[in-house]
């Protein structure tokens, strides 16, 4: 799943390591993602963009 779930950190100097996994049936359309910030979570407003493109299906969300 990590190969087609992409993350983007706009206007951010702290880039975490991100690990995502797909849930098992019947929740195959749900993913859990963990972001690990080695220097701590930024003390400012920030957002993460998640997107995917797989076998003709695409999606996007900003958190």
PDB file of N, CA and C in Angstrom:
ATOM      1  N   UNK A   1       0.812  -1.188   0.000  1.00  0.00           N
ATOM      2  CA  UNK A   1       0.000   0.000   0.000  1.00  0.00           C
ATOM      3  C   UNK A   1       0.857   1.255   0.000  1.00  0.00           C
ATOM      4  N   UNK A   2       1.975   1.212   0.691  1.00  0.00           N
ATOM      5  CA  UNK A   2       2.820   2.391   0.750  1.00  0.00           C
ATOM      6  C   UNK A   2       3.320   2.804  -0.621  1.00  0.00           C
ATOM      7  N   UNK A   3       3.351   1.878  -1.572  1.00  0.00           N
ATOM      8  CA  UNK A   3       3.866   2.214  -2.891  1.00  0.00           C
ATOM      9  C   UNK A   3       2.913   3.098  -3.682  1.00  0.00           C
ATOM     10  N   UNK A   4       1.626   3.112  -3.365  1.00  0.00           N
ATOM     11  CA  UNK A   4       0.733   3.993  -4.111  1.00  0.00           C
ATOM     12  C   UNK A   4       0.036   5.042  -3.244  1.00  0.00           C
ATOM     13  N   UNK A   5       0.202   5.015  -1.934  1.00  0.00           N
ATOM     14  CA  UNK A   5      -0.282   6.084  -1.066  1.00  0.00           C
ATOM     15  C   UNK A   5       0.859   7.087  -0.944  1.00  0.00           C
ATOM     16  N   UNK A   6       0.644   8.302  -1.431  1.00  0.00           N
ATOM     17  CA  UNK A   6       1.681   9.331  -1.428  1.00  0.00           C
ATOM     18  C   UNK A   6       1.359  10.403  -0.399  1.00  0.00           C
ATOM     19  N   UNK A   7       2.394  10.986   0.194  1.00  0.00           N
ATOM     20  CA  UNK A   7       2.218  12.078   1.150  1.00  0.00           C
ATOM     21  C   UNK A   7       2.972  13.298   0.662  1.00  0.00           C
ATOM     22  N   UNK A   8       2.478  14.477   1.058  1.00  0.00           N
ATOM     23  CA  UNK A   8       3.119  15.736   0.701  1.00  0.00           C
ATOM     24  C   UNK A   8       3.011  16.651   1.914  1.00  0.00           C
ATOM     25  N   UNK A   9       4.078  17.390   2.200  1.00  0.00           N
ATOM     26  CA  UNK A   9       4.123  18.278   3.347  1.00  0.00           C
ATOM     27  C   UNK A   9       4.418  19.690   2.869  1.00  0.00           C
ATOM     28  N   UNK A  10       3.385  20.403   2.426  1.00  0.00           N
ATOM     29  CA  UNK A  10       3.599  21.743   1.884  1.00  0.00           C
ATOM     30  C   UNK A  10       4.079  22.720   2.952  1.00  0.00           C
ATOM     31  N   UNK A  11       4.987  23.593   2.571  1.00  0.00           N
ATOM     32  CA  UNK A  11       5.472  24.667   3.446  1.00  0.00           C
ATOM     33  C   UNK A  11       5.926  24.151   4.809  1.00  0.00           C
ATOM     34  N   UNK A  12       6.589  23.029   4.834  1.00  0.00           N
ATOM     35  CA  UNK A  12       7.021  22.450   6.105  1.00  0.00           C
ATOM     36  C   UNK A  12       8.510  22.141   6.051  1.00  0.00           C
ATOM     37  N   UNK A  13       9.214  22.444   7.124  1.00  0.00           N
ATOM     38  CA  UNK A  13      10.627  22.099   7.184  1.00  0.00           C
ATOM     39  C   UNK A  13      10.835  20.741   7.845  1.00  0.00           C
ATOM     40  N   UNK A  14       9.871  20.299   8.641  1.00  0.00           N
ATOM     41  CA  UNK A  14       9.960  18.998   9.313  1.00  0.00           C
ATOM     42  C   UNK A  14       9.232  17.951   8.483  1.00  0.00           C
ATOM     43  N   UNK A  15       9.962  17.029   7.886  1.00  0.00           N
ATOM     44  CA  UNK A  15       9.370  15.980   7.061  1.00  0.00           C
ATOM     45  C   UNK A  15       9.470  14.658   7.832  1.00  0.00           C
ATOM     46  N   UNK A  16       8.331  14.072   8.183  1.00  0.00           N
ATOM     47  CA  UNK A  16       8.360  12.816   8.944  1.00  0.00           C
ATOM     48  C   UNK A  16       8.524  11.595   8.042  1.00  0.00           C
ATOM     49  N   UNK A  17       8.820  10.480   8.664  1.00  0.00           N
ATOM     50  CA  UNK A  17       8.735   9.189   7.984  1.00  0.00           C
ATOM     51  C   UNK A  17       7.283   8.745   8.102  1.00  0.00           C
ATOM     52  N   UNK A  18       6.686   8.291   7.002  1.00  0.00           N
ATOM     53  CA  UNK A  18       5.268   7.921   6.999  1.00  0.00           C
ATOM     54  C   UNK A  18       5.124   6.458   6.620  1.00  0.00           C
ATOM     55  N   UNK A  19       4.342   5.745   7.411  1.00  0.00           N
ATOM     56  CA  UNK A  19       4.060   4.329   7.167  1.00  0.00           C
ATOM     57  C   UNK A  19       2.552   4.145   7.109  1.00  0.00           C
ATOM     58  N   UNK A  20       2.059   3.563   6.024  1.00  0.00           N
ATOM     59  CA  UNK A  20       0.618   3.344   5.860  1.00  0.00           C
ATOM     60  C   UNK A  20       0.334   1.864   5.648  1.00  0.00           C
ATOM     61  N   UNK A  21      -0.827   1.433   6.139  1.00  0.00           N
ATOM     62  CA  UNK A  21      -1.247   0.051   5.911  1.00  0.00           C
ATOM     63  C   UNK A  21      -2.745   0.024   5.627  1.00  0.00           C
ATOM     64  N   UNK A  22      -3.134  -0.903   4.794  1.00  0.00           N
ATOM     65  CA  UNK A  22      -4.530  -1.071   4.420  1.00  0.00           C
ATOM     66  C   UNK A  22      -5.192  -2.020   5.413  1.00  0.00           C
ATOM     67  N   UNK A  23      -6.405  -1.675   5.812  1.00  0.00           N
ATOM     68  CA  UNK A  23      -7.136  -2.562   6.716  1.00  0.00           C
ATOM     69  C   UNK A  23      -7.612  -3.802   5.977  1.00  0.00           C
ATOM     70  N   UNK A  24      -7.958  -4.808   6.733  1.00  0.00           N
ATOM     71  CA  UNK A  24      -8.440  -6.062   6.141  1.00  0.00           C
ATOM     72  C   UNK A  24      -9.915  -5.965   5.811  1.00  0.00           C
ATOM     73  N   UNK A  25     -10.411  -6.915   5.010  1.00  0.00           N
ATOM     74  CA  UNK A  25     -11.819  -6.962   4.606  1.00  0.00           C
ATOM     75  C   UNK A  25     -12.694  -6.975   5.858  1.00  0.00           C
ATOM     76  N   UNK A  26     -13.805  -6.305   5.865  1.00  0.00           N
ATOM     77  CA  UNK A  26     -14.465  -5.619   4.750  1.00  0.00           C
ATOM     78  C   UNK A  26     -14.088  -4.134   4.633  1.00  0.00           C
ATOM     79  N   UNK A  27     -13.052  -3.675   5.330  1.00  0.00           N
ATOM     80  CA  UNK A  27     -12.685  -2.256   5.318  1.00  0.00           C
ATOM     81  C   UNK A  27     -11.499  -1.975   4.397  1.00  0.00           C
ATOM     82  N   UNK A  28     -11.498  -2.547   3.211  1.00  0.00           N
ATOM     83  CA  UNK A  28     -10.377  -2.413   2.294  1.00  0.00           C
ATOM     84  C   UNK A  28     -10.171  -0.985   1.797  1.00  0.00           C
ATOM     85  N   UNK A  29     -11.181  -0.123   1.948  1.00  0.00           N
ATOM     86  CA  UNK A  29     -11.039   1.263   1.508  1.00  0.00           C
ATOM     87  C   UNK A  29     -10.535   2.174   2.627  1.00  0.00           C
ATOM     88  N   UNK A  30     -10.080   1.599   3.741  1.00  0.00           N
ATOM     89  CA  UNK A  30      -9.584   2.374   4.881  1.00  0.00           C
ATOM     90  C   UNK A  30      -8.098   2.083   5.099  1.00  0.00           C
ATOM     91  N   UNK A  31      -7.325   3.156   5.281  1.00  0.00           N
ATOM     92  CA  UNK A  31      -5.893   3.050   5.520  1.00  0.00           C
ATOM     93  C   UNK A  31      -5.545   3.720   6.836  1.00  0.00           C
ATOM     94  N   UNK A  32      -4.602   3.167   7.544  1.00  0.00           N
ATOM     95  CA  UNK A  32      -4.066   3.767   8.758  1.00  0.00           C
ATOM     96  C   UNK A  32      -2.654   4.228   8.440  1.00  0.00           C
ATOM     97  N   UNK A  33      -2.344   5.478   8.790  1.00  0.00           N
ATOM     98  CA  UNK A  33      -1.010   6.008   8.517  1.00  0.00           C
ATOM     99  C   UNK A  33      -0.398   6.564   9.796  1.00  0.00           C
ATOM    100  N   UNK A  34       0.879   6.300   9.970  1.00  0.00           N
ATOM    101  CA  UNK A  34       1.642   6.761  11.121  1.00  0.00           C
ATOM    102  C   UNK A  34       2.737   7.681  10.609  1.00  0.00           C
ATOM    103  N   UNK A  35       2.809   8.910  11.158  1.00  0.00           N
ATOM    104  CA  UNK A  35       3.855   9.865  10.800  1.00  0.00           C
ATOM    105  C   UNK A  35       4.790  10.007  11.995  1.00  0.00           C
ATOM    106  N   UNK A  36       6.078   9.728  11.783  1.00  0.00           N
ATOM    107  CA  UNK A  36       7.063   9.811  12.856  1.00  0.00           C
ATOM    108  C   UNK A  36       7.992  10.996  12.577  1.00  0.00           C
ATOM    109  N   UNK A  37       7.923  11.985  13.462  1.00  0.00           N
ATOM    110  CA  UNK A  37       8.783  13.165  13.370  1.00  0.00           C
ATOM    111  C   UNK A  37       9.995  12.946  14.261  1.00  0.00           C
ATOM    112  N   UNK A  38      11.191  12.827  13.701  1.00  0.00           N
ATOM    113  CA  UNK A  38      12.397  12.551  14.481  1.00  0.00           C
ATOM    114  C   UNK A  38      12.778  13.722  15.384  1.00  0.00           C
ATOM    115  N   UNK A  39      12.436  14.943  14.995  1.00  0.00           N
ATOM    116  CA  UNK A  39      12.778  16.118  15.801  1.00  0.00           C
ATOM    117  C   UNK A  39      11.569  16.682  16.542  1.00  0.00           C
ATOM    118  N   UNK A  40      10.483  15.934  16.614  1.00  0.00           N
ATOM    119  CA  UNK A  40       9.266  16.404  17.281  1.00  0.00           C
ATOM    120  C   UNK A  40       8.296  17.033  16.301  1.00  0.00           C
ATOM    121  N   UNK A  41       7.042  17.050  16.671  1.00  0.00           N
ATOM    122  CA  UNK A  41       5.992  17.630  15.833  1.00  0.00           C
ATOM    123  C   UNK A  41       6.168  19.144  15.789  1.00  0.00           C
ATOM    124  N   UNK A  42       6.048  19.759  14.612  1.00  0.00           N
ATOM    125  CA  UNK A  42       6.223  21.209  14.500  1.00  0.00           C
ATOM    126  C   UNK A  42       5.269  21.968  15.414  1.00  0.00           C
ATOM    127  N   UNK A  43       5.763  23.036  15.988  1.00  0.00           N
ATOM    128  CA  UNK A  43       4.956  23.870  16.878  1.00  0.00           C
ATOM    129  C   UNK A  43       4.331  25.016  16.087  1.00  0.00           C
ATOM    130  N   UNK A  44       3.701  24.672  15.001  1.00  0.00           N
ATOM    131  CA  UNK A  44       3.033  25.629  14.128  1.00  0.00           C
ATOM    132  C   UNK A  44       1.977  24.880  13.330  1.00  0.00           C
ATOM    133  N   UNK A  45       1.069  25.630  12.752  1.00  0.00           N
ATOM    134  CA  UNK A  45       0.026  25.011  11.951  1.00  0.00           C
ATOM    135  C   UNK A  45       0.653  24.367  10.709  1.00  0.00           C
ATOM    136  N   UNK A  46       0.267  23.141  10.430  1.00  0.00           N
ATOM    137  CA  UNK A  46       0.773  22.436   9.262  1.00  0.00           C
ATOM    138  C   UNK A  46      -0.294  21.470   8.778  1.00  0.00           C
ATOM    139  N   UNK A  47      -0.133  20.961   7.580  1.00  0.00           N
ATOM    140  CA  UNK A  47      -1.066  19.957   7.073  1.00  0.00           C
ATOM    141  C   UNK A  47      -0.311  18.943   6.230  1.00  0.00           C
ATOM    142  N   UNK A  48      -0.935  17.789   6.085  1.00  0.00           N
ATOM    143  CA  UNK A  48      -0.380  16.690   5.306  1.00  0.00           C
ATOM    144  C   UNK A  48      -1.378  16.358   4.207  1.00  0.00           C
ATOM    145  N   UNK A  49      -0.891  16.196   3.000  1.00  0.00           N
ATOM    146  CA  UNK A  49      -1.743  15.810   1.881  1.00  0.00           C
ATOM    147  C   UNK A  49      -1.488  14.346   1.539  1.00  0.00           C
ATOM    148  N   UNK A  50      -2.547  13.565   1.503  1.00  0.00           N
ATOM    149  CA  UNK A  50      -2.469  12.162   1.117  1.00  0.00           C
ATOM    150  C   UNK A  50      -3.155  12.001  -0.232  1.00  0.00           C
ATOM    151  N   UNK A  51      -2.549  11.238  -1.122  1.00  0.00           N
ATOM    152  CA  UNK A  51      -3.181  10.963  -2.409  1.00  0.00           C
ATOM    153  C   UNK A  51      -2.798   9.559  -2.851  1.00  0.00           C
ATOM    154  N   UNK A  52      -3.600   9.035  -3.756  1.00  0.00           N
ATOM    155  CA  UNK A  52      -3.272   7.723  -4.311  1.00  0.00           C
ATOM    156  C   UNK A  52      -3.773   7.629  -5.739  1.00  0.00           C
ATOM    157  N   UNK A  53      -3.158   6.749  -6.476  1.00  0.00           N
ATOM    158  CA  UNK A  53      -3.572   6.433  -7.832  1.00  0.00           C
ATOM    159  C   UNK A  53      -3.234   4.968  -8.047  1.00  0.00           C
ATOM    160  N   UNK A  54      -4.261   4.152  -8.208  1.00  0.00           N
ATOM    161  CA  UNK A  54      -4.038   2.710  -8.319  1.00  0.00           C
ATOM    162  C   UNK A  54      -5.089   2.090  -9.213  1.00  0.00           C
ATOM    163  N   UNK A  55      -4.677   1.468 -10.282  1.00  0.00           N
ATOM    164  CA  UNK A  55      -5.547   0.769 -11.225  1.00  0.00           C
ATOM    165  C   UNK A  55      -6.749   1.618 -11.649  1.00  0.00           C
ATOM    166  N   UNK A  56      -6.474   2.872 -11.954  1.00  0.00           N
ATOM    167  CA  UNK A  56      -7.518   3.757 -12.455  1.00  0.00           C
ATOM    168  C   UNK A  56      -8.317   4.477 -11.382  1.00  0.00           C
ATOM    169  N   UNK A  57      -8.141   4.138 -10.115  1.00  0.00           N
ATOM    170  CA  UNK A  57      -8.826   4.822  -9.012  1.00  0.00           C
ATOM    171  C   UNK A  57      -7.872   5.847  -8.416  1.00  0.00           C
ATOM    172  N   UNK A  58      -8.398   7.044  -8.106  1.00  0.00           N
ATOM    173  CA  UNK A  58      -7.584   8.083  -7.494  1.00  0.00           C
ATOM    174  C   UNK A  58      -8.341   8.715  -6.337  1.00  0.00           C
ATOM    175  N   UNK A  59      -7.615   9.347  -5.450  1.00  0.00           N
ATOM    176  CA  UNK A  59      -8.230  10.038  -4.325  1.00  0.00           C
ATOM    177  C   UNK A  59      -7.254  11.012  -3.716  1.00  0.00           C
ATOM    178  N   UNK A  60      -7.764  11.970  -2.931  1.00  0.00           N
ATOM    179  CA  UNK A  60      -6.944  13.010  -2.338  1.00  0.00           C
ATOM    180  C   UNK A  60      -7.624  13.511  -1.071  1.00  0.00           C
ATOM    181  N   UNK A  61      -6.824  13.772  -0.032  1.00  0.00           N
ATOM    182  CA  UNK A  61      -7.346  14.403   1.180  1.00  0.00           C
ATOM    183  C   UNK A  61      -6.239  15.206   1.828  1.00  0.00           C
ATOM    184  N   UNK A  62      -6.599  16.334   2.404  1.00  0.00           N
ATOM    185  CA  UNK A  62      -5.653  17.177   3.137  1.00  0.00           C
ATOM    186  C   UNK A  62      -6.066  17.150   4.607  1.00  0.00           C
ATOM    187  N   UNK A  63      -5.102  16.860   5.491  1.00  0.00           N
ATOM    188  CA  UNK A  63      -5.385  16.756   6.931  1.00  0.00           C
ATOM    189  C   UNK A  63      -4.613  17.835   7.645  1.00  0.00           C
TER     190      UNK A  63
END
